[in-house]
Protein backbone atom coordinates (compact mmCIF):
# COMPACT_ATOMS: atom_id res chain seq x y z
CA MET A 1 -5.87 102.30 178.41
CA ASN A 2 -5.75 98.64 178.28
CA TYR A 3 -6.00 96.81 174.99
CA LEU A 4 -6.84 93.34 173.85
CA ILE A 5 -5.39 92.52 170.40
CA ARG A 6 -7.35 89.60 169.03
CA ASN A 7 -6.78 87.12 166.11
CA ALA A 8 -3.29 88.53 165.23
CA ASN A 9 -0.55 86.61 163.43
CA ILE A 10 2.13 87.04 166.04
CA VAL A 11 5.66 87.16 164.66
CA ASN A 12 7.86 86.45 167.52
CA GLU A 13 11.03 84.40 168.40
CA GLY A 14 11.28 82.72 164.98
CA LYS A 15 7.63 81.70 164.67
CA ILE A 16 4.33 83.09 163.37
CA THR A 17 1.35 81.94 165.55
CA ALA A 18 -2.27 83.05 165.55
CA GLY A 19 -3.26 84.39 169.01
CA ASP A 20 -4.34 87.32 171.25
CA VAL A 21 -2.20 89.70 173.27
CA LEU A 22 -3.56 91.66 176.39
CA ILE A 23 -1.95 95.00 177.22
CA SER A 24 -2.43 96.10 180.77
CA GLU A 25 -0.65 99.07 182.59
CA GLY A 26 1.74 99.50 179.76
CA LYS A 27 2.98 95.82 179.80
CA ILE A 28 2.09 92.56 178.07
CA ALA A 29 -0.23 90.85 180.45
CA ALA A 30 -1.14 87.83 178.58
CA ILE A 31 -0.48 86.02 175.37
CA GLY A 32 -2.75 83.13 174.18
CA SER A 33 -6.07 82.51 172.43
CA GLY A 34 -9.55 83.36 173.62
CA ILE A 35 -8.34 85.84 176.13
CA GLU A 36 -11.15 87.72 177.79
CA SER A 37 -10.90 91.14 179.51
CA ILE A 38 -13.64 93.34 180.88
CA ASP A 39 -11.71 96.65 180.93
CA ALA A 40 -9.65 96.51 177.73
CA GLU A 41 -10.49 98.07 174.29
CA VAL A 42 -10.60 95.19 171.80
CA ILE A 43 -8.66 95.56 168.50
CA ASP A 44 -9.50 92.96 165.77
CA ALA A 45 -6.10 92.16 164.17
CA THR A 46 -7.52 89.48 161.72
CA GLY A 47 -5.05 89.23 158.84
CA LEU A 48 -2.48 91.50 160.44
CA TRP A 49 1.01 90.80 161.64
CA LEU A 50 1.82 91.68 165.30
CA MET A 51 5.39 92.25 165.89
CA PRO A 52 7.75 93.65 168.59
CA GLY A 53 8.42 97.30 168.02
CA VAL A 54 11.70 97.89 166.05
CA ILE A 55 14.72 99.05 167.96
CA ASP A 56 17.00 101.23 165.86
CA ASP A 57 20.46 101.46 167.44
CA GLN A 58 21.71 104.32 165.30
CA VAL A 59 19.95 107.48 164.43
CA HIS A 60 20.90 111.20 164.28
CA PHE A 61 17.90 113.29 165.26
CA ARG A 62 19.84 116.58 165.13
CA GLU A 63 18.94 118.19 168.33
CA PRO A 64 20.49 120.38 169.76
CA GLY A 65 21.85 122.78 167.27
CA LEU A 66 21.06 121.25 163.94
CA THR A 67 17.16 121.52 164.14
CA HIS A 68 16.76 122.94 160.80
CA LYS A 69 17.35 119.38 159.65
CA GLY A 70 15.41 117.49 162.19
CA GLU A 71 14.36 117.41 165.85
CA ILE A 72 13.81 114.74 168.47
CA TYR A 73 10.00 115.47 168.21
CA THR A 74 9.72 115.26 164.42
CA GLU A 75 12.02 112.33 163.90
CA ALA A 76 10.48 110.30 166.68
CA LYS A 77 7.10 110.97 165.18
CA ALA A 78 8.36 109.61 161.87
CA ALA A 79 9.79 106.65 163.72
CA VAL A 80 6.62 105.47 165.41
CA ALA A 81 4.72 105.89 162.09
CA GLY A 82 7.25 103.38 160.80
CA GLY A 83 7.01 100.88 163.65
CA VAL A 84 10.15 102.02 165.43
CA THR A 85 9.42 102.16 169.10
CA SER A 86 12.86 102.72 170.58
CA PHE A 87 15.90 104.59 169.19
CA MET A 88 19.55 105.19 170.28
CA GLU A 89 20.81 108.61 169.11
CA GLN A 90 24.29 109.69 168.24
CA PRO A 91 26.40 112.42 169.88
CA ASN A 92 27.40 114.61 166.87
CA THR A 93 25.04 117.49 167.56
CA ALA A 94 25.84 121.12 168.22
CA PRO A 95 27.33 121.17 170.71
CA PRO A 96 28.29 117.55 170.75
CA ALA A 97 27.16 115.33 173.66
CA THR A 98 30.65 114.73 175.04
CA THR A 99 29.93 115.51 178.69
CA VAL A 100 27.53 113.96 181.06
CA GLU A 101 25.89 117.31 181.51
CA ARG A 102 25.09 117.65 177.71
CA LEU A 103 24.13 114.07 177.49
CA GLU A 104 21.52 114.52 180.32
CA GLU A 105 20.19 117.62 178.69
CA LYS A 106 19.35 115.45 175.65
CA TYR A 107 17.61 112.90 177.93
CA ALA A 108 15.53 115.66 179.57
CA ARG A 109 14.55 117.03 176.12
CA ALA A 110 13.57 113.61 174.83
CA ALA A 111 11.41 112.97 177.94
CA GLU A 112 9.48 116.10 177.06
CA VAL A 113 8.89 115.42 173.30
CA SER A 114 9.77 112.01 172.09
CA LEU A 115 6.87 109.65 171.23
CA ALA A 116 9.35 106.70 171.05
CA ASN A 117 11.53 105.26 173.82
CA PHE A 118 15.04 106.70 173.70
CA SER A 119 18.68 106.39 174.70
CA PHE A 120 21.68 108.48 173.79
CA PHE A 121 25.41 107.62 173.26
CA ILE A 122 28.03 109.80 174.85
CA GLY A 123 30.72 110.97 172.35
CA THR A 124 34.46 110.56 172.65
CA THR A 125 36.98 113.28 172.04
CA ASN A 126 40.79 113.22 172.32
CA ASN A 127 40.71 114.31 175.94
CA ASN A 128 37.31 113.40 177.66
CA LEU A 129 37.99 110.06 179.25
CA ASP A 130 37.01 111.38 182.70
CA GLU A 131 33.46 112.20 181.31
CA LEU A 132 33.19 108.69 179.80
CA LEU A 133 33.95 107.06 183.02
CA LYS A 134 31.17 109.02 184.81
CA ILE A 135 28.28 107.47 182.73
CA ASN A 136 25.84 104.98 184.29
CA PRO A 137 25.77 101.80 181.97
CA ARG A 138 22.31 101.04 183.41
CA ASN A 139 20.72 103.98 181.62
CA VAL A 140 23.15 105.04 178.82
CA ALA A 141 23.45 103.08 175.46
CA GLY A 142 27.18 103.32 175.32
CA VAL A 143 30.18 105.34 174.15
CA LYS A 144 30.53 106.44 170.44
CA ILE A 145 33.86 106.91 168.79
CA PHE A 146 34.22 108.55 165.25
CA LEU A 147 37.33 106.88 163.82
CA GLY A 148 36.44 108.67 160.59
CA SER A 149 35.21 112.26 160.02
CA SER A 150 31.58 112.66 159.32
CA THR A 151 28.90 115.20 160.14
CA GLY A 152 30.31 117.27 163.02
CA ASP A 153 33.93 117.55 164.05
CA MET A 154 34.24 114.52 166.35
CA LEU A 155 37.18 112.58 164.92
CA VAL A 156 39.27 110.80 167.54
CA ASP A 157 42.75 110.13 166.34
CA ASN A 158 44.96 110.10 169.50
CA GLU A 159 46.27 106.64 169.96
CA GLU A 160 46.87 107.01 173.63
CA GLN A 161 43.31 108.12 174.28
CA LEU A 162 41.90 105.23 172.19
CA ASP A 163 43.86 102.79 174.13
CA ASN A 164 42.62 104.35 177.36
CA VAL A 165 39.00 104.36 176.17
CA PHE A 166 39.13 100.78 175.03
CA ALA A 167 40.83 99.58 178.27
CA LYS A 168 38.91 101.60 180.93
CA VAL A 169 35.34 102.03 179.57
CA LYS A 170 33.22 99.10 180.80
CA THR A 171 30.02 99.90 178.80
CA LEU A 172 29.67 99.04 175.12
CA ILE A 173 31.81 101.11 172.65
CA ALA A 174 30.41 101.66 169.13
CA VAL A 175 32.58 103.06 166.38
CA HIS A 176 32.17 104.70 163.01
CA ALA A 177 35.13 103.03 161.33
CA GLU A 178 36.77 104.75 158.27
CA ASP A 179 40.40 105.65 157.94
CA ASP A 180 40.46 109.40 157.94
CA PRO A 181 43.96 110.00 156.34
CA MET A 182 43.24 107.59 153.61
CA ILE A 183 39.97 109.35 152.76
CA LYS A 184 41.69 112.79 152.77
CA ARG A 185 44.26 111.49 150.23
CA ASN A 186 41.50 110.07 148.12
CA VAL A 187 39.67 113.47 148.15
CA GLU A 188 42.84 115.26 146.94
CA GLU A 189 43.53 112.63 144.32
CA TYR A 190 40.07 112.78 142.79
CA ARG A 191 39.83 116.60 143.05
CA ALA A 192 43.16 116.81 141.12
CA LYS A 193 41.72 114.53 138.33
CA TYR A 194 38.09 115.74 138.12
CA GLY A 195 37.87 119.14 139.89
CA ASP A 196 35.54 120.42 142.45
CA ASP A 197 32.40 119.58 140.49
CA MET A 198 32.86 115.85 140.22
CA PRO A 199 29.61 113.87 140.44
CA ALA A 200 28.57 111.79 143.45
CA ASP A 201 29.51 108.65 141.55
CA TYR A 202 32.96 108.89 142.99
CA HIS A 203 31.77 108.79 146.65
CA GLY A 204 32.26 105.05 146.86
CA LEU A 205 35.86 105.34 145.64
CA ILE A 206 36.76 108.30 147.98
CA ARG A 207 35.14 106.76 150.97
CA SER A 208 36.80 103.56 149.86
CA ARG A 209 36.57 99.94 150.92
CA GLU A 210 40.24 100.12 151.79
CA ALA A 211 39.50 102.88 154.27
CA CYS A 212 36.64 100.94 155.93
CA TYR A 213 38.68 97.74 156.24
CA ALA A 214 41.72 99.49 157.67
CA SER A 215 39.69 101.22 160.36
CA SER A 216 37.49 98.36 161.32
CA SER A 217 40.28 95.83 161.54
CA LYS A 218 42.24 98.09 163.67
CA ALA A 219 39.27 98.76 166.09
CA ILE A 220 38.62 95.11 166.35
CA ALA A 221 42.36 94.32 167.08
CA ARG A 222 42.18 96.98 169.77
CA ALA A 223 39.04 95.60 171.24
CA LYS A 224 40.53 92.04 171.35
CA LYS A 225 43.67 93.46 173.00
CA PHE A 226 41.62 95.07 175.92
CA GLY A 227 38.67 92.68 176.06
CA THR A 228 36.29 95.50 175.01
CA ARG A 229 32.60 95.12 174.12
CA LEU A 230 32.74 96.59 170.64
CA HIS A 231 29.96 97.27 168.09
CA VAL A 232 30.88 98.40 164.65
CA PHE A 233 28.26 100.51 162.99
CA HIS A 234 27.20 100.46 159.33
CA ILE A 235 29.44 97.84 157.77
CA SER A 236 29.47 98.42 154.04
CA THR A 237 32.10 96.26 152.43
CA ALA A 238 32.46 92.51 151.67
CA ASP A 239 36.11 92.74 152.88
CA GLU A 240 35.16 93.61 156.50
CA LEU A 241 33.01 90.60 156.92
CA GLU A 242 35.96 88.37 157.51
CA LEU A 243 36.43 90.21 160.75
CA PHE A 244 33.20 89.02 162.35
CA ASP A 245 32.35 85.74 163.91
CA ASN A 246 29.19 83.64 163.93
CA SER A 247 30.40 80.68 165.93
CA VAL A 248 28.73 81.76 169.13
CA PRO A 249 25.20 83.17 170.05
CA LEU A 250 24.80 86.91 169.89
CA ARG A 251 24.57 87.12 173.78
CA GLU A 252 28.06 85.63 174.10
CA LYS A 253 29.65 87.96 171.47
CA LYS A 254 31.93 90.75 172.59
CA ILE A 255 32.43 92.11 169.02
CA THR A 256 29.30 92.70 167.02
CA ALA A 257 28.29 94.40 163.71
CA GLU A 258 25.47 96.41 162.19
CA VAL A 259 24.26 96.81 158.67
CA CYS A 260 22.06 99.68 157.57
CA ILE A 261 19.01 99.72 155.30
CA HIS A 262 20.69 101.74 152.62
CA HIS A 263 23.70 99.44 152.25
CA LEU A 264 21.09 96.50 151.84
CA TRP A 265 18.95 98.48 149.29
CA PHE A 266 21.23 100.59 147.10
CA SER A 267 24.39 100.00 145.10
CA ASP A 268 26.89 102.34 143.52
CA ALA A 269 24.78 102.12 140.25
CA ASP A 270 22.21 104.16 142.02
CA TYR A 271 24.44 107.33 142.22
CA LYS A 272 23.50 107.88 138.64
CA THR A 273 19.91 108.68 139.42
CA LYS A 274 20.04 109.45 143.21
CA GLY A 275 23.33 111.48 143.37
CA ASN A 276 23.93 113.21 146.74
CA PHE A 277 20.50 111.86 148.14
CA ILE A 278 22.32 108.40 148.61
CA LYS A 279 25.49 110.07 149.79
CA TRP A 280 26.25 108.33 153.15
CA ASN A 281 29.31 107.72 155.24
CA PRO A 282 30.36 104.93 154.87
CA SER A 283 29.47 105.09 151.20
CA VAL A 284 27.16 102.79 149.36
CA LYS A 285 29.41 100.36 147.59
CA THR A 286 28.95 97.79 144.80
CA ALA A 287 26.18 95.26 144.09
CA ASN A 288 28.66 92.52 145.06
CA ASP A 289 29.28 94.19 148.41
CA ARG A 290 25.46 94.38 148.86
CA GLU A 291 25.08 90.74 148.25
CA ALA A 292 27.95 89.87 150.61
CA LEU A 293 26.16 92.01 153.32
CA TRP A 294 22.94 90.03 152.82
CA LYS A 295 24.77 86.76 153.14
CA ALA A 296 26.53 87.94 156.34
CA LEU A 297 23.27 89.16 157.73
CA LEU A 298 21.63 85.74 157.17
CA ASP A 299 24.59 83.68 158.55
CA ASN A 300 24.87 85.90 161.71
CA ARG A 301 28.25 87.55 161.13
CA ILE A 302 26.16 90.74 160.97
CA ASP A 303 23.95 91.01 164.11
CA VAL A 304 21.43 93.88 163.69
CA ILE A 305 19.76 96.11 161.06
CA ALA A 306 19.61 99.78 161.62
CA THR A 307 19.08 103.02 159.68
CA ASP A 308 21.78 105.53 160.53
CA HIS A 309 18.78 107.99 160.00
CA ALA A 310 20.63 111.31 159.31
CA PRO A 311 18.44 114.02 157.73
CA HIS A 312 19.74 117.04 155.88
CA THR A 313 17.73 119.68 154.03
CA ILE A 314 17.00 119.34 150.36
CA GLU A 315 18.93 122.60 149.74
CA GLU A 316 22.04 121.08 151.51
CA LYS A 317 21.84 117.94 149.46
CA GLN A 318 21.46 119.84 146.17
CA GLN A 319 24.90 121.38 146.57
CA SER A 320 27.83 120.08 144.59
CA TYR A 321 29.03 116.65 145.61
CA LEU A 322 32.07 117.77 147.70
CA LYS A 323 29.85 120.39 149.66
CA ALA A 324 26.77 118.16 150.13
CA PRO A 325 26.67 116.61 153.57
CA SER A 326 26.36 112.84 153.95
CA GLY A 327 23.36 111.12 155.39
CA GLY A 328 19.64 110.70 154.71
CA PRO A 329 16.28 110.01 156.48
CA LEU A 330 15.13 106.42 156.67
CA VAL A 331 13.53 105.69 160.08
CA GLN A 332 9.93 105.90 158.80
CA HIS A 333 10.53 103.28 156.26
CA SER A 334 12.99 100.77 157.64
CA LEU A 335 10.50 98.21 158.66
CA VAL A 336 8.41 98.25 155.49
CA ALA A 337 11.68 98.27 153.39
CA MET A 338 12.84 95.00 155.05
CA LEU A 339 9.31 93.56 154.72
CA GLU A 340 9.55 94.41 150.99
CA LYS A 341 12.74 92.31 150.84
CA ALA A 342 10.95 89.53 152.63
CA ARG A 343 8.26 89.70 150.02
CA GLU A 344 11.01 89.36 147.32
CA GLY A 345 12.42 86.24 149.11
CA LYS A 346 15.70 87.78 150.36
CA ILE A 347 14.87 87.29 154.03
CA SER A 348 11.91 85.77 156.04
CA VAL A 349 9.57 87.91 158.03
CA GLU A 350 10.66 86.16 161.08
CA ARG A 351 14.30 86.97 160.51
CA VAL A 352 13.28 90.62 159.90
CA VAL A 353 11.83 90.70 163.40
CA GLU A 354 14.91 88.98 164.77
CA LYS A 355 17.36 91.35 163.30
CA MET A 356 15.38 94.58 163.90
CA CYS A 357 13.74 93.75 167.32
CA HIS A 358 15.18 90.80 169.22
CA ALA A 359 18.80 91.17 168.25
CA PRO A 360 19.27 94.93 169.22
CA ALA A 361 17.52 94.09 172.60
CA ASP A 362 19.98 91.22 173.17
CA LEU A 363 23.05 92.99 171.83
CA PHE A 364 22.49 96.16 174.01
CA ARG A 365 20.96 94.05 176.95
CA ILE A 366 17.87 96.23 176.94
CA ASP A 367 15.61 95.51 179.84
CA LYS A 368 12.13 93.93 179.01
CA ARG A 369 11.89 95.03 175.44
CA GLY A 370 12.31 93.52 171.90
CA TYR A 371 10.12 90.51 172.43
CA ILE A 372 6.45 89.73 172.73
CA ARG A 373 6.65 88.14 176.26
CA GLU A 374 4.53 88.46 179.30
CA GLY A 375 5.84 91.01 181.60
CA TYR A 376 7.64 92.88 178.92
CA TRP A 377 6.84 96.45 177.93
CA ALA A 378 4.12 96.61 175.29
CA ASP A 379 6.15 98.04 172.50
CA LEU A 380 4.21 96.48 169.60
CA VAL A 381 3.38 97.12 165.94
CA LEU A 382 0.46 95.93 163.76
CA VAL A 383 1.29 95.59 160.08
CA HIS A 384 -1.00 94.92 157.13
CA PRO A 385 1.06 92.42 154.99
CA GLN A 386 -0.93 93.07 151.72
CA GLN A 387 -1.63 96.80 151.44
CA HIS A 388 0.42 98.66 148.84
CA TRP A 389 1.30 102.41 148.95
CA THR A 390 3.86 104.74 147.37
CA VAL A 391 6.40 106.81 149.25
CA ALA A 392 5.67 110.40 148.39
CA LYS A 393 6.33 113.84 149.81
CA ASP A 394 2.73 114.15 151.08
CA ASN A 395 3.14 111.08 153.39
CA LEU A 396 6.60 111.91 154.83
CA LEU A 397 6.93 112.93 158.48
CA TYR A 398 10.64 113.90 158.29
CA LYS A 399 11.18 117.56 159.01
CA CYS A 400 13.65 117.67 156.05
CA GLY A 401 10.73 116.75 153.67
CA TRP A 402 12.40 114.27 151.45
CA SER A 403 13.33 110.58 151.22
CA PRO A 404 15.83 108.58 149.11
CA LEU A 405 12.83 106.14 148.67
CA GLU A 406 10.40 108.55 147.11
CA GLY A 407 8.48 106.68 144.31
CA THR A 408 9.06 103.26 145.96
CA VAL A 409 5.94 101.04 146.16
CA PHE A 410 5.75 99.02 149.39
CA HIS A 411 3.40 96.12 149.67
CA SER A 412 2.92 96.31 153.48
CA ARG A 413 1.85 99.10 155.83
CA VAL A 414 2.22 99.95 159.44
CA VAL A 415 -1.23 100.17 160.76
CA SER A 416 -0.67 100.73 164.60
CA THR A 417 2.21 101.32 166.92
CA PHE A 418 2.17 100.92 170.70
CA VAL A 419 4.86 102.43 172.89
CA ASN A 420 4.76 101.21 176.52
CA GLY A 421 1.18 100.07 175.95
CA ASN A 422 0.14 103.50 174.58
CA LEU A 423 -1.44 103.52 171.02
CA VAL A 424 0.70 106.45 169.67
CA TYR A 425 0.07 105.86 165.91
CA ASN A 426 -3.01 104.47 164.42
CA ASN A 427 -4.00 104.44 160.63
CA GLY A 428 -2.14 107.71 160.10
CA ALA A 429 -3.20 109.48 163.25
CA ILE A 430 -0.64 110.48 165.88
CA ASN A 431 -1.48 110.43 169.59
CA GLU A 432 0.82 112.95 171.33
CA LEU A 433 -0.56 112.47 174.84
CA TYR A 434 2.06 109.92 175.79
CA LYS A 435 5.90 110.18 175.62
CA GLY A 436 8.44 107.39 175.47
CA MET A 437 10.69 106.22 178.27
CA ARG A 438 14.38 106.14 178.85
CA LEU A 439 15.73 102.74 177.95
CA GLU A 440 17.41 100.71 180.70
CA PHE A 441 20.14 98.09 180.22
CA ASN A 442 20.92 94.95 182.03
CA VAL A 443 24.64 95.21 183.03
C-alpha cells in the first residue's frame, strides 16, 4: 500500500519540522506540506513525532541453536514494536557463523521470518581467514572478533591470525574488547575470597575496567598499524574514552565506538536489586563511568547507540552469579528508553535520532536508510511523545519473557512502524504479511 502521513512533527537531520511524508512503492516519494495523493491511505499524525527507523548495529537473536532463548522471528517482532527497523546480528550462535555457508543460511532464514531489515556479521576464529576473505562487503555488515570470552566459544587469541585479519580484511571489523587472561585471573581471585556463591555485585570488578582498556587499546593500536576500519562495540568505561577521536566527521573516521542502552541506564549500584538480570559483558560499571559515557556520546567520541540485545531464559538468569549467562533483552525498549532520557534533559530528541538512526547508517555506509529523504526506503516510526505506560510481562514480545526494565514507566510510546513502506506494527497489532530486506552497504 501507499501511505500519506500528514501533519507529523518530522524529527530528521537535527531539526523538528511540521510536514507530510508520502510513501509509495516502499520508498519515500515526497516530503513537504499539503501533499495530495489519490491512491494513498492517509494517516493523521497530528501531535506525533515521525522519525527514521532505528538501526541497531548489535543484537543476538540466538538462531540457530539457541532458540529456547530467542529466535529471529520473535526478536525481530519485538524490534519493530520498539521502532527498530533494521538490525545487525552477531555470529555466536550454535553453530557459530564462521563460514560463508553458515552465514548465508542465517540470511535465508531471516528472509523467511524477519519483520525487520537484517544483516549479519561473520565470526572470526583462530584459523578461518580464508572464509573472511570470501564475504561480499556490499551485503555483509562486517567481521566480528571476540577478543574476550562471552556467550559461545569464539575467543580469538592467536596474534598472527589477528594481524592477518586486521591487515587483509577490507570490510569493517567490529570487536568485543575485554582482556581474557585478566578476567580469568579476576575470577579465580574473587572465587578464592568469596566462594562460588558470590553475588553479582562483583561482576563489575571481575569484568574489570582494566580488562576493557587493555583490550580496546590493543585493538585500536593494531587498527592504526594496518589502516583497518575498526568499530569497538559496547564501550563501558571512562578510561577507554581517551582512545576515541571527535576531531573529524563520522564519515571520515576509521575507528569508531558504540555505547549500549544498559551502560547509559544502569550503574553498579543496581546490582543490589537487579542481580544477574543486569549481568552483561562488558559489565555495567560505576555511576561516574556512566556519566563519562554520556559526555562522550554527546561530544561525538562515541558514535552510535545500540542494545547488545542478548536474551537468556529466566531460569538461566536465576542461577548463581558464576553460572548465570551474561546478556539481556532490550530491543523492544531502546528507543523509548532514550526518549525518556530526552525527557529528563540528558539528550535532545534530535540527537537521539542522530545516534540511533543517522549515525549507524553513516558508520556502516548503509544504502538509502537511516534518514527521511526522498528516494530512501520508507523505514519510519511514529511516536506519541506524551503517552505513559509501564513495562510489564504482559506487554513484552521477547521470547524469554522478561526485561531488566520491568516496572519502568515510559512517557512516550511507539505507535506505528513502517519497514520498506509496509506498516508492520500499528497500535499493538503486528502485520506479518511483509518481511524485511537484506541490508546493502555502499563500499
